């Protein structure tokens, strides 16, 4: 049995996994953001609710494990930021602990149980509030030991002009400390930022998309620029990784006309030509982080048992 967790800044979701086909979610609990003892106590409560003795604990977290130091970078949960969290939790709870980024867990879930089934290389893309991603090759998460592979949302790589006809696009400051990242234009906040730049309007991403679907010209211009900016970096990621499917998660993945337009633009910019959709909606809903963490735990215990 695996006890898996999907840990965010507001809630901790737990689950029990006995096989790929038997993953059961448990109750949500508030995240103690500033109290490590309280954080550990919540995990202990989830383990008690699961019952029995788990083979390991597997955590999906909105943060990144530094592959050199194993310290967790997780600014939105200060009590676990900069900790060697796996080692600390193993000492507190007495079970092996695996930790992976939530976008990596999403990619793992889609590769093994979702839209990526049957594909050797799966690039999972997140288009939510911002932009993220994860990479799975031959059923294995590339970032299993931590790291930044798949983070196509960061790096100063957006074009200085985009759209038809082209319009100048500023190199917006990004939360990562750089300027001109895909994250600044590709998610919900990016759409809002572009709409404000292009039209001087402070609209929510939901309103912009709703207006676009109704045929509004200004919203069409914003989406045209956004897709143009995002398609090239995503095409580059596909060329480099050799991915043959790109499941998309996050809130914007629910806007299928937007994904279809992005898919068309991406397929026109990659070397390998596909006669089918490449950028597709995710299939693992509603808990891909929990599912991905569970799959990582099952993979770990299966390999450990086989070695024994």
Foldseek 3Di string as FASTA:
>chain_A
DEWEWEDELFKIKIWDDPDLVDIGTDDIDGAQQADVVVNLVVVVVSVVVVDDDHQAYFYAYQWWQDLVPCQTCHVSRVVRHRHNVQVVSCVVPVHRYFYDYLQLLLQLCCCPPKVNDPWQKEWEWEAALFIFIFIHGNSHGPQRSTDRPNGLQDDQDFDQWFFVVTDGDFQPQDPVGDTNGLRCQRHQNNLQVLLCVVPVDRDGSVVLVVCVVVPNPSSVRSLRRSLGRPLQSVLVSCQVRVGQAYAYDYDVLVVVVSQVVSQVSNQVNHDDHDPDGRYHHIDDPDCSSRSSRSSSVVVVVVVVVVVD
